[in-house]
Amino acid sequence: TIPSINGFVGRDDYLKSLRVSYRQ
């Protein structure tokens, strides 16, 4: 039930931080 997201741009620093933490 998680909606898809369209038209998303930027927020690269936040996403990078989230990805690193998730991998850890």
mmCIF file of all heavy atoms, coordinates in Angstrom:
data_MODEL
# 
_entry.id   MODEL 
# 
loop_
_atom_site.group_PDB 
_atom_site.id 
_atom_site.type_symbol 
_atom_site.label_atom_id 
_atom_site.label_alt_id 
_atom_site.label_comp_id 
_atom_site.label_asym_id 
_atom_site.label_entity_id 
_atom_site.label_seq_id 
_atom_site.pdbx_PDB_ins_code 
_atom_site.Cartn_x 
_atom_site.Cartn_y 
_atom_site.Cartn_z 
_atom_site.occupancy 
_atom_site.B_iso_or_equiv 
_atom_site.pdbx_formal_charge 
_atom_site.auth_seq_id 
_atom_site.auth_comp_id 
_atom_site.auth_asym_id 
_atom_site.auth_atom_id 
_atom_site.pdbx_PDB_model_num 
ATOM 1   N N   . THR A 1 1  ? 0.811  -1.228 0.000   1.00 0.00 ? 1  THR A N   1 
ATOM 2   C CA  . THR A 1 1  ? 0.000  0.000  0.000   1.00 0.00 ? 1  THR A CA  1 
ATOM 3   C C   . THR A 1 1  ? 0.844  1.278  0.000   1.00 0.00 ? 1  THR A C   1 
ATOM 4   O O   . THR A 1 1  ? 0.297  2.365  0.143   1.00 0.00 ? 1  THR A O   1 
ATOM 5   C CB  . THR A 1 1  ? -0.936 0.016  1.222   1.00 0.00 ? 1  THR A CB  1 
ATOM 6   O OG1 . THR A 1 1  ? -0.161 -0.062 2.431   1.00 0.00 ? 1  THR A OG1 1 
ATOM 7   C CG2 . THR A 1 1  ? -1.906 -1.153 1.183   1.00 0.00 ? 1  THR A CG2 1 
ATOM 8   N N   . ILE A 1 2  ? 2.158  1.143  -0.146  1.00 0.00 ? 2  ILE A N   1 
ATOM 9   C CA  . ILE A 1 2  ? 3.007  2.340  -0.193  1.00 0.00 ? 2  ILE A CA  1 
ATOM 10  C C   . ILE A 1 2  ? 2.848  2.990  -1.569  1.00 0.00 ? 2  ILE A C   1 
ATOM 11  O O   . ILE A 1 2  ? 3.114  2.357  -2.589  1.00 0.00 ? 2  ILE A O   1 
ATOM 12  C CB  . ILE A 1 2  ? 4.476  2.002  0.074   1.00 0.00 ? 2  ILE A CB  1 
ATOM 13  C CG1 . ILE A 1 2  ? 4.625  1.426  1.482   1.00 0.00 ? 2  ILE A CG1 1 
ATOM 14  C CG2 . ILE A 1 2  ? 5.351  3.241  -0.090  1.00 0.00 ? 2  ILE A CG2 1 
ATOM 15  C CD1 . ILE A 1 2  ? 6.046  1.012  1.840   1.00 0.00 ? 2  ILE A CD1 1 
ATOM 16  N N   . PRO A 1 3  ? 2.402  4.253  -1.628  1.00 0.00 ? 3  PRO A N   1 
ATOM 17  C CA  . PRO A 1 3  ? 2.186  4.900  -2.937  1.00 0.00 ? 3  PRO A CA  1 
ATOM 18  C C   . PRO A 1 3  ? 3.494  5.076  -3.704  1.00 0.00 ? 3  PRO A C   1 
ATOM 19  O O   . PRO A 1 3  ? 4.572  5.208  -3.109  1.00 0.00 ? 3  PRO A O   1 
ATOM 20  C CB  . PRO A 1 3  ? 1.603  6.273  -2.556  1.00 0.00 ? 3  PRO A CB  1 
ATOM 21  C CG  . PRO A 1 3  ? 1.208  6.170  -1.122  1.00 0.00 ? 3  PRO A CG  1 
ATOM 22  C CD  . PRO A 1 3  ? 2.089  5.151  -0.502  1.00 0.00 ? 3  PRO A CD  1 
ATOM 23  N N   . SER A 1 4  ? 3.380  5.073  -5.016  1.00 0.00 ? 4  SER A N   1 
ATOM 24  C CA  . SER A 1 4  ? 4.544  5.379  -5.848  1.00 0.00 ? 4  SER A CA  1 
ATOM 25  C C   . SER A 1 4  ? 4.753  6.889  -5.852  1.00 0.00 ? 4  SER A C   1 
ATOM 26  O O   . SER A 1 4  ? 3.822  7.660  -5.606  1.00 0.00 ? 4  SER A O   1 
ATOM 27  C CB  . SER A 1 4  ? 4.348  4.858  -7.268  1.00 0.00 ? 4  SER A CB  1 
ATOM 28  O OG  . SER A 1 4  ? 3.183  5.434  -7.833  1.00 0.00 ? 4  SER A OG  1 
ATOM 29  N N   . ILE A 1 5  ? 5.975  7.314  -6.126  1.00 0.00 ? 5  ILE A N   1 
ATOM 30  C CA  . ILE A 1 5  ? 6.296  8.740  -6.124  1.00 0.00 ? 5  ILE A CA  1 
ATOM 31  C C   . ILE A 1 5  ? 6.766  9.136  -7.520  1.00 0.00 ? 5  ILE A C   1 
ATOM 32  O O   . ILE A 1 5  ? 7.670  8.517  -8.092  1.00 0.00 ? 5  ILE A O   1 
ATOM 33  C CB  . ILE A 1 5  ? 7.373  9.071  -5.063  1.00 0.00 ? 5  ILE A CB  1 
ATOM 34  C CG1 . ILE A 1 5  ? 7.770  10.534 -5.087  1.00 0.00 ? 5  ILE A CG1 1 
ATOM 35  C CG2 . ILE A 1 5  ? 8.583  8.172  -5.193  1.00 0.00 ? 5  ILE A CG2 1 
ATOM 36  C CD1 . ILE A 1 5  ? 6.746  11.452 -4.486  1.00 0.00 ? 5  ILE A CD1 1 
ATOM 37  N N   . ASN A 1 6  ? 6.126  10.139 -8.086  1.00 0.00 ? 6  ASN A N   1 
ATOM 38  C CA  . ASN A 1 6  ? 6.482  10.632 -9.420  1.00 0.00 ? 6  ASN A CA  1 
ATOM 39  C C   . ASN A 1 6  ? 7.033  12.045 -9.325  1.00 0.00 ? 6  ASN A C   1 
ATOM 40  O O   . ASN A 1 6  ? 6.680  12.808 -8.436  1.00 0.00 ? 6  ASN A O   1 
ATOM 41  C CB  . ASN A 1 6  ? 5.256  10.619 -10.338 1.00 0.00 ? 6  ASN A CB  1 
ATOM 42  C CG  . ASN A 1 6  ? 4.707  9.226  -10.540 1.00 0.00 ? 6  ASN A CG  1 
ATOM 43  O OD1 . ASN A 1 6  ? 5.464  8.293  -10.782 1.00 0.00 ? 6  ASN A OD1 1 
ATOM 44  N ND2 . ASN A 1 6  ? 3.397  9.079  -10.438 1.00 0.00 ? 6  ASN A ND2 1 
ATOM 45  N N   . GLY A 1 7  ? 7.883  12.398 -10.248 1.00 0.00 ? 7  GLY A N   1 
ATOM 46  C CA  . GLY A 1 7  ? 8.389  13.763 -10.313 1.00 0.00 ? 7  GLY A CA  1 
ATOM 47  C C   . GLY A 1 7  ? 9.336  14.120 -9.182  1.00 0.00 ? 7  GLY A C   1 
ATOM 48  O O   . GLY A 1 7  ? 9.460  15.299 -8.838  1.00 0.00 ? 7  GLY A O   1 
ATOM 49  N N   . PHE A 1 8  ? 9.997  13.126 -8.614  1.00 0.00 ? 8  PHE A N   1 
ATOM 50  C CA  . PHE A 1 8  ? 10.912 13.408 -7.509  1.00 0.00 ? 8  PHE A CA  1 
ATOM 51  C C   . PHE A 1 8  ? 12.274 13.811 -8.067  1.00 0.00 ? 8  PHE A C   1 
ATOM 52  O O   . PHE A 1 8  ? 12.826 13.145 -8.941  1.00 0.00 ? 8  PHE A O   1 
ATOM 53  C CB  . PHE A 1 8  ? 11.066 12.170 -6.625  1.00 0.00 ? 8  PHE A CB  1 
ATOM 54  C CG  . PHE A 1 8  ? 11.900 12.408 -5.397  1.00 0.00 ? 8  PHE A CG  1 
ATOM 55  C CD1 . PHE A 1 8  ? 11.307 12.784 -4.201  1.00 0.00 ? 8  PHE A CD1 1 
ATOM 56  C CD2 . PHE A 1 8  ? 13.278 12.275 -5.440  1.00 0.00 ? 8  PHE A CD2 1 
ATOM 57  C CE1 . PHE A 1 8  ? 12.070 13.012 -3.065  1.00 0.00 ? 8  PHE A CE1 1 
ATOM 58  C CE2 . PHE A 1 8  ? 14.054 12.494 -4.312  1.00 0.00 ? 8  PHE A CE2 1 
ATOM 59  C CZ  . PHE A 1 8  ? 13.445 12.872 -3.122  1.00 0.00 ? 8  PHE A CZ  1 
ATOM 60  N N   . VAL A 1 9  ? 12.818 14.908 -7.543  1.00 0.00 ? 9  VAL A N   1 
ATOM 61  C CA  . VAL A 1 9  ? 14.156 15.343 -7.956  1.00 0.00 ? 9  VAL A CA  1 
ATOM 62  C C   . VAL A 1 9  ? 14.923 15.814 -6.722  1.00 0.00 ? 9  VAL A C   1 
ATOM 63  O O   . VAL A 1 9  ? 14.340 16.182 -5.699  1.00 0.00 ? 9  VAL A O   1 
ATOM 64  C CB  . VAL A 1 9  ? 14.110 16.500 -8.983  1.00 0.00 ? 9  VAL A CB  1 
ATOM 65  C CG1 . VAL A 1 9  ? 13.411 16.063 -10.260 1.00 0.00 ? 9  VAL A CG1 1 
ATOM 66  C CG2 . VAL A 1 9  ? 13.424 17.729 -8.395  1.00 0.00 ? 9  VAL A CG2 1 
ATOM 67  N N   . GLY A 1 10 ? 16.245 15.811 -6.842  1.00 0.00 ? 10 GLY A N   1 
ATOM 68  C CA  . GLY A 1 10 ? 17.092 16.354 -5.775  1.00 0.00 ? 10 GLY A CA  1 
ATOM 69  C C   . GLY A 1 10 ? 17.121 15.501 -4.518  1.00 0.00 ? 10 GLY A C   1 
ATOM 70  O O   . GLY A 1 10 ? 16.907 14.300 -4.551  1.00 0.00 ? 10 GLY A O   1 
ATOM 71  N N   . ARG A 1 11 ? 17.420 16.175 -3.400  1.00 0.00 ? 11 ARG A N   1 
ATOM 72  C CA  . ARG A 1 11 ? 17.532 15.528 -2.092  1.00 0.00 ? 11 ARG A CA  1 
ATOM 73  C C   . ARG A 1 11 ? 18.628 14.476 -2.074  1.00 0.00 ? 11 ARG A C   1 
ATOM 74  O O   . ARG A 1 11 ? 18.578 13.483 -1.340  1.00 0.00 ? 11 ARG A O   1 
ATOM 75  C CB  . ARG A 1 11 ? 16.210 14.886 -1.668  1.00 0.00 ? 11 ARG A CB  1 
ATOM 76  C CG  . ARG A 1 11 ? 14.997 15.806 -1.695  1.00 0.00 ? 11 ARG A CG  1 
ATOM 77  C CD  . ARG A 1 11 ? 15.274 17.132 -1.042  1.00 0.00 ? 11 ARG A CD  1 
ATOM 78  N NE  . ARG A 1 11 ? 14.176 17.601 -0.204  1.00 0.00 ? 11 ARG A NE  1 
ATOM 79  C CZ  . ARG A 1 11 ? 14.236 18.701 0.530   1.00 0.00 ? 11 ARG A CZ  1 
ATOM 80  N NH1 . ARG A 1 11 ? 15.335 19.441 0.520   1.00 0.00 ? 11 ARG A NH1 1 
ATOM 81  N NH2 . ARG A 1 11 ? 13.226 19.065 1.296   1.00 0.00 ? 11 ARG A NH2 1 
ATOM 82  N N   . ASP A 1 12 ? 19.644 14.665 -2.906  1.00 0.00 ? 12 ASP A N   1 
ATOM 83  C CA  . ASP A 1 12 ? 20.691 13.661 -3.071  1.00 0.00 ? 12 ASP A CA  1 
ATOM 84  C C   . ASP A 1 12 ? 21.459 13.394 -1.780  1.00 0.00 ? 12 ASP A C   1 
ATOM 85  O O   . ASP A 1 12 ? 21.788 12.240 -1.473  1.00 0.00 ? 12 ASP A O   1 
ATOM 86  C CB  . ASP A 1 12 ? 21.666 14.093 -4.178  1.00 0.00 ? 12 ASP A CB  1 
ATOM 87  C CG  . ASP A 1 12 ? 20.981 14.212 -5.531  1.00 0.00 ? 12 ASP A CG  1 
ATOM 88  O OD1 . ASP A 1 12 ? 20.019 13.446 -5.768  1.00 0.00 ? 12 ASP A OD1 1 
ATOM 89  O OD2 . ASP A 1 12 ? 21.389 15.054 -6.340  1.00 0.00 ? 12 ASP A OD2 1 
ATOM 90  N N   . ASP A 1 13 ? 21.765 14.448 -1.017  1.00 0.00 ? 13 ASP A N   1 
ATOM 91  C CA  . ASP A 1 13 ? 22.517 14.267 0.225   1.00 0.00 ? 13 ASP A CA  1 
ATOM 92  C C   . ASP A 1 13 ? 21.718 13.450 1.237   1.00 0.00 ? 13 ASP A C   1 
ATOM 93  O O   . ASP A 1 13 ? 22.262 12.579 1.922   1.00 0.00 ? 13 ASP A O   1 
ATOM 94  C CB  . ASP A 1 13 ? 22.893 15.620 0.830   1.00 0.00 ? 13 ASP A CB  1 
ATOM 95  C CG  . ASP A 1 13 ? 23.949 16.351 0.011   1.00 0.00 ? 13 ASP A CG  1 
ATOM 96  O OD1 . ASP A 1 13 ? 24.611 15.681 -0.816  1.00 0.00 ? 13 ASP A OD1 1 
ATOM 97  O OD2 . ASP A 1 13 ? 24.099 17.570 0.187   1.00 0.00 ? 13 ASP A OD2 1 
ATOM 98  N N   . TYR A 1 14 ? 20.423 13.747 1.348   1.00 0.00 ? 14 TYR A N   1 
ATOM 99  C CA  . TYR A 1 14 ? 19.581 12.984 2.273   1.00 0.00 ? 14 TYR A CA  1 
ATOM 100 C C   . TYR A 1 14 ? 19.510 11.517 1.859   1.00 0.00 ? 14 TYR A C   1 
ATOM 101 O O   . TYR A 1 14 ? 19.631 10.608 2.684   1.00 0.00 ? 14 TYR A O   1 
ATOM 102 C CB  . TYR A 1 14 ? 18.166 13.568 2.312   1.00 0.00 ? 14 TYR A CB  1 
ATOM 103 C CG  . TYR A 1 14 ? 18.070 14.940 2.911   1.00 0.00 ? 14 TYR A CG  1 
ATOM 104 C CD1 . TYR A 1 14 ? 17.358 15.949 2.267   1.00 0.00 ? 14 TYR A CD1 1 
ATOM 105 C CD2 . TYR A 1 14 ? 18.674 15.249 4.135   1.00 0.00 ? 14 TYR A CD2 1 
ATOM 106 C CE1 . TYR A 1 14 ? 17.248 17.216 2.814   1.00 0.00 ? 14 TYR A CE1 1 
ATOM 107 C CE2 . TYR A 1 14 ? 18.569 16.518 4.686   1.00 0.00 ? 14 TYR A CE2 1 
ATOM 108 C CZ  . TYR A 1 14 ? 17.857 17.499 4.022   1.00 0.00 ? 14 TYR A CZ  1 
ATOM 109 O OH  . TYR A 1 14 ? 17.748 18.759 4.566   1.00 0.00 ? 14 TYR A OH  1 
ATOM 110 N N   . LEU A 1 15 ? 19.289 11.276 0.575   1.00 0.00 ? 15 LEU A N   1 
ATOM 111 C CA  . LEU A 1 15 ? 19.180 9.903  0.085   1.00 0.00 ? 15 LEU A CA  1 
ATOM 112 C C   . LEU A 1 15 ? 20.487 9.137  0.283   1.00 0.00 ? 15 LEU A C   1 
ATOM 113 O O   . LEU A 1 15 ? 20.475 7.966  0.670   1.00 0.00 ? 15 LEU A O   1 
ATOM 114 C CB  . LEU A 1 15 ? 18.788 9.891  -1.397  1.00 0.00 ? 15 LEU A CB  1 
ATOM 115 C CG  . LEU A 1 15 ? 17.321 10.225 -1.690  1.00 0.00 ? 15 LEU A CG  1 
ATOM 116 C CD1 . LEU A 1 15 ? 17.112 10.456 -3.178  1.00 0.00 ? 15 LEU A CD1 1 
ATOM 117 C CD2 . LEU A 1 15 ? 16.405 9.110  -1.195  1.00 0.00 ? 15 LEU A CD2 1 
ATOM 118 N N   . LYS A 1 16 ? 21.584 9.815  0.051   1.00 0.00 ? 16 LYS A N   1 
ATOM 119 C CA  . LYS A 1 16 ? 22.883 9.163  0.254   1.00 0.00 ? 16 LYS A CA  1 
ATOM 120 C C   . LYS A 1 16 ? 23.050 8.749  1.715   1.00 0.00 ? 16 LYS A C   1 
ATOM 121 O O   . LYS A 1 16 ? 23.488 7.629  2.015   1.00 0.00 ? 16 LYS A O   1 
ATOM 122 C CB  . LYS A 1 16 ? 24.015 10.110 -0.156  1.00 0.00 ? 16 LYS A CB  1 
ATOM 123 C CG  . LYS A 1 16 ? 25.403 9.498  0.006   1.00 0.00 ? 16 LYS A CG  1 
ATOM 124 C CD  . LYS A 1 16 ? 26.484 10.465 -0.450  1.00 0.00 ? 16 LYS A CD  1 
ATOM 125 C CE  . LYS A 1 16 ? 27.869 9.848  -0.258  1.00 0.00 ? 16 LYS A CE  1 
ATOM 126 N NZ  . LYS A 1 16 ? 28.946 10.796 -0.689  1.00 0.00 ? 16 LYS A NZ  1 
ATOM 127 N N   . SER A 1 17 ? 22.698 9.640  2.623   1.00 0.00 ? 17 SER A N   1 
ATOM 128 C CA  . SER A 1 17 ? 22.802 9.343  4.049   1.00 0.00 ? 17 SER A CA  1 
ATOM 129 C C   . SER A 1 17 ? 21.902 8.169  4.440   1.00 0.00 ? 17 SER A C   1 
ATOM 130 O O   . SER A 1 17 ? 22.295 7.274  5.202   1.00 0.00 ? 17 SER A O   1 
ATOM 131 C CB  . SER A 1 17 ? 22.433 10.585 4.861   1.00 0.00 ? 17 SER A CB  1 
ATOM 132 O OG  . SER A 1 17 ? 22.476 10.317 6.252   1.00 0.00 ? 17 SER A OG  1 
ATOM 133 N N   . LEU A 1 18 ? 20.675 8.165  3.926   1.00 0.00 ? 18 LEU A N   1 
ATOM 134 C CA  . LEU A 1 18 ? 19.741 7.077  4.216   1.00 0.00 ? 18 LEU A CA  1 
ATOM 135 C C   . LEU A 1 18 ? 20.251 5.751  3.659   1.00 0.00 ? 18 LEU A C   1 
ATOM 136 O O   . LEU A 1 18 ? 20.178 4.703  4.331   1.00 0.00 ? 18 LEU A O   1 
ATOM 137 C CB  . LEU A 1 18 ? 18.366 7.395  3.622   1.00 0.00 ? 18 LEU A CB  1 
ATOM 138 C CG  . LEU A 1 18 ? 17.591 8.533  4.300   1.00 0.00 ? 18 LEU A CG  1 
ATOM 139 C CD1 . LEU A 1 18 ? 16.440 8.997  3.408   1.00 0.00 ? 18 LEU A CD1 1 
ATOM 140 C CD2 . LEU A 1 18 ? 17.057 8.091  5.659   1.00 0.00 ? 18 LEU A CD2 1 
ATOM 141 N N   . ARG A 1 19 ? 20.776 5.773  2.441   1.00 0.00 ? 19 ARG A N   1 
ATOM 142 C CA  . ARG A 1 19 ? 21.291 4.545  1.824   1.00 0.00 ? 19 ARG A CA  1 
ATOM 143 C C   . ARG A 1 19 ? 22.452 3.966  2.622   1.00 0.00 ? 19 ARG A C   1 
ATOM 144 O O   . ARG A 1 19 ? 22.522 2.754  2.857   1.00 0.00 ? 19 ARG A O   1 
ATOM 145 C CB  . ARG A 1 19 ? 21.747 4.836  0.389   1.00 0.00 ? 19 ARG A CB  1 
ATOM 146 C CG  . ARG A 1 19 ? 20.634 5.141  -0.589  1.00 0.00 ? 19 ARG A CG  1 
ATOM 147 C CD  . ARG A 1 19 ? 21.217 5.653  -1.883  1.00 0.00 ? 19 ARG A CD  1 
ATOM 148 N NE  . ARG A 1 19 ? 20.210 6.191  -2.781  1.00 0.00 ? 19 ARG A NE  1 
ATOM 149 C CZ  . ARG A 1 19 ? 20.397 7.263  -3.550  1.00 0.00 ? 19 ARG A CZ  1 
ATOM 150 N NH1 . ARG A 1 19 ? 21.558 7.918  -3.513  1.00 0.00 ? 19 ARG A NH1 1 
ATOM 151 N NH2 . ARG A 1 19 ? 19.439 7.685  -4.343  1.00 0.00 ? 19 ARG A NH2 1 
ATOM 152 N N   . VAL A 1 20 ? 23.366 4.833  3.033   1.00 0.00 ? 20 VAL A N   1 
ATOM 153 C CA  . VAL A 1 20 ? 24.532 4.371  3.797   1.00 0.00 ? 20 VAL A CA  1 
ATOM 154 C C   . VAL A 1 20 ? 24.084 3.729  5.109   1.00 0.00 ? 20 VAL A C   1 
ATOM 155 O O   . VAL A 1 20 ? 24.545 2.644  5.476   1.00 0.00 ? 20 VAL A O   1 
ATOM 156 C CB  . VAL A 1 20 ? 25.503 5.536  4.071   1.00 0.00 ? 20 VAL A CB  1 
ATOM 157 C CG1 . VAL A 1 20 ? 26.569 5.124  5.087   1.00 0.00 ? 20 VAL A CG1 1 
ATOM 158 C CG2 . VAL A 1 20 ? 26.175 5.988  2.775   1.00 0.00 ? 20 VAL A CG2 1 
ATOM 159 N N   . SER A 1 21 ? 23.189 4.393  5.814   1.00 0.00 ? 21 SER A N   1 
ATOM 160 C CA  . SER A 1 21 ? 22.698 3.857  7.085   1.00 0.00 ? 21 SER A CA  1 
ATOM 161 C C   . SER A 1 21 ? 21.977 2.524  6.880   1.00 0.00 ? 21 SER A C   1 
ATOM 162 O O   . SER A 1 21 ? 22.138 1.593  7.680   1.00 0.00 ? 21 SER A O   1 
ATOM 163 C CB  . SER A 1 21 ? 21.751 4.858  7.763   1.00 0.00 ? 21 SER A CB  1 
ATOM 164 O OG  . SER A 1 21 ? 22.443 6.026  8.141   1.00 0.00 ? 21 SER A OG  1 
ATOM 165 N N   . TYR A 1 22 ? 21.205 2.437  5.811   1.00 0.00 ? 22 TYR A N   1 
ATOM 166 C CA  . TYR A 1 22 ? 20.490 1.193  5.525   1.00 0.00 ? 22 TYR A CA  1 
ATOM 167 C C   . TYR A 1 22 ? 21.473 0.060  5.252   1.00 0.00 ? 22 TYR A C   1 
ATOM 168 O O   . TYR A 1 22 ? 21.308 -1.056 5.776   1.00 0.00 ? 22 TYR A O   1 
ATOM 169 C CB  . TYR A 1 22 ? 19.560 1.397  4.334   1.00 0.00 ? 22 TYR A CB  1 
ATOM 170 C CG  . TYR A 1 22 ? 18.751 0.171  3.981   1.00 0.00 ? 22 TYR A CG  1 
ATOM 171 C CD1 . TYR A 1 22 ? 17.639 -0.194 4.738   1.00 0.00 ? 22 TYR A CD1 1 
ATOM 172 C CD2 . TYR A 1 22 ? 19.094 -0.628 2.882   1.00 0.00 ? 22 TYR A CD2 1 
ATOM 173 C CE1 . TYR A 1 22 ? 16.888 -1.322 4.417   1.00 0.00 ? 22 TYR A CE1 1 
ATOM 174 C CE2 . TYR A 1 22 ? 18.347 -1.754 2.557   1.00 0.00 ? 22 TYR A CE2 1 
ATOM 175 C CZ  . TYR A 1 22 ? 17.256 -2.094 3.330   1.00 0.00 ? 22 TYR A CZ  1 
ATOM 176 O OH  . TYR A 1 22 ? 16.534 -3.220 3.017   1.00 0.00 ? 22 TYR A OH  1 
ATOM 177 N N   . ARG A 1 23 ? 22.495 0.337  4.458   1.00 0.00 ? 23 ARG A N   1 
ATOM 178 C CA  . ARG A 1 23 ? 23.504 -0.687 4.159   1.00 0.00 ? 23 ARG A CA  1 
ATOM 179 C C   . ARG A 1 23 ? 24.248 -1.120 5.420   1.00 0.00 ? 23 ARG A C   1 
ATOM 180 O O   . ARG A 1 23 ? 24.715 -2.262 5.524   1.00 0.00 ? 23 ARG A O   1 
ATOM 181 C CB  . ARG A 1 23 ? 24.497 -0.171 3.113   1.00 0.00 ? 23 ARG A CB  1 
ATOM 182 C CG  . ARG A 1 23 ? 23.930 -0.121 1.701   1.00 0.00 ? 23 ARG A CG  1 
ATOM 183 C CD  . ARG A 1 23 ? 25.019 -0.002 0.669   1.00 0.00 ? 23 ARG A CD  1 
ATOM 184 N NE  . ARG A 1 23 ? 25.765 1.240  0.799   1.00 0.00 ? 23 ARG A NE  1 
ATOM 185 C CZ  . ARG A 1 23 ? 25.466 2.362  0.143   1.00 0.00 ? 23 ARG A CZ  1 
ATOM 186 N NH1 . ARG A 1 23 ? 24.425 2.400  -0.670  1.00 0.00 ? 23 ARG A NH1 1 
ATOM 187 N NH2 . ARG A 1 23 ? 26.199 3.445  0.312   1.00 0.00 ? 23 ARG A NH2 1 
ATOM 188 N N   . GLN A 1 24 ? 24.358 -0.218 6.381   1.00 0.00 ? 24 GLN A N   1 
ATOM 189 C CA  . GLN A 1 24 ? 25.037 -0.528 7.630   1.00 0.00 ? 24 GLN A CA  1 
ATOM 190 C C   . GLN A 1 24 ? 24.133 -1.244 8.638   1.00 0.00 ? 24 GLN A C   1 
ATOM 191 O O   . GLN A 1 24 ? 24.576 -1.575 9.735   1.00 0.00 ? 24 GLN A O   1 
ATOM 192 C CB  . GLN A 1 24 ? 25.591 0.758  8.250   1.00 0.00 ? 24 GLN A CB  1 
ATOM 193 C CG  . GLN A 1 24 ? 26.726 1.378  7.442   1.00 0.00 ? 24 GLN A CG  1 
ATOM 194 C CD  . GLN A 1 24 ? 27.165 2.730  7.980   1.00 0.00 ? 24 GLN A CD  1 
ATOM 195 O OE1 . GLN A 1 24 ? 26.454 3.370  8.761   1.00 0.00 ? 24 GLN A OE1 1 
ATOM 196 N NE2 . GLN A 1 24 ? 28.343 3.175  7.559   1.00 0.00 ? 24 GLN A NE2 1 
# 
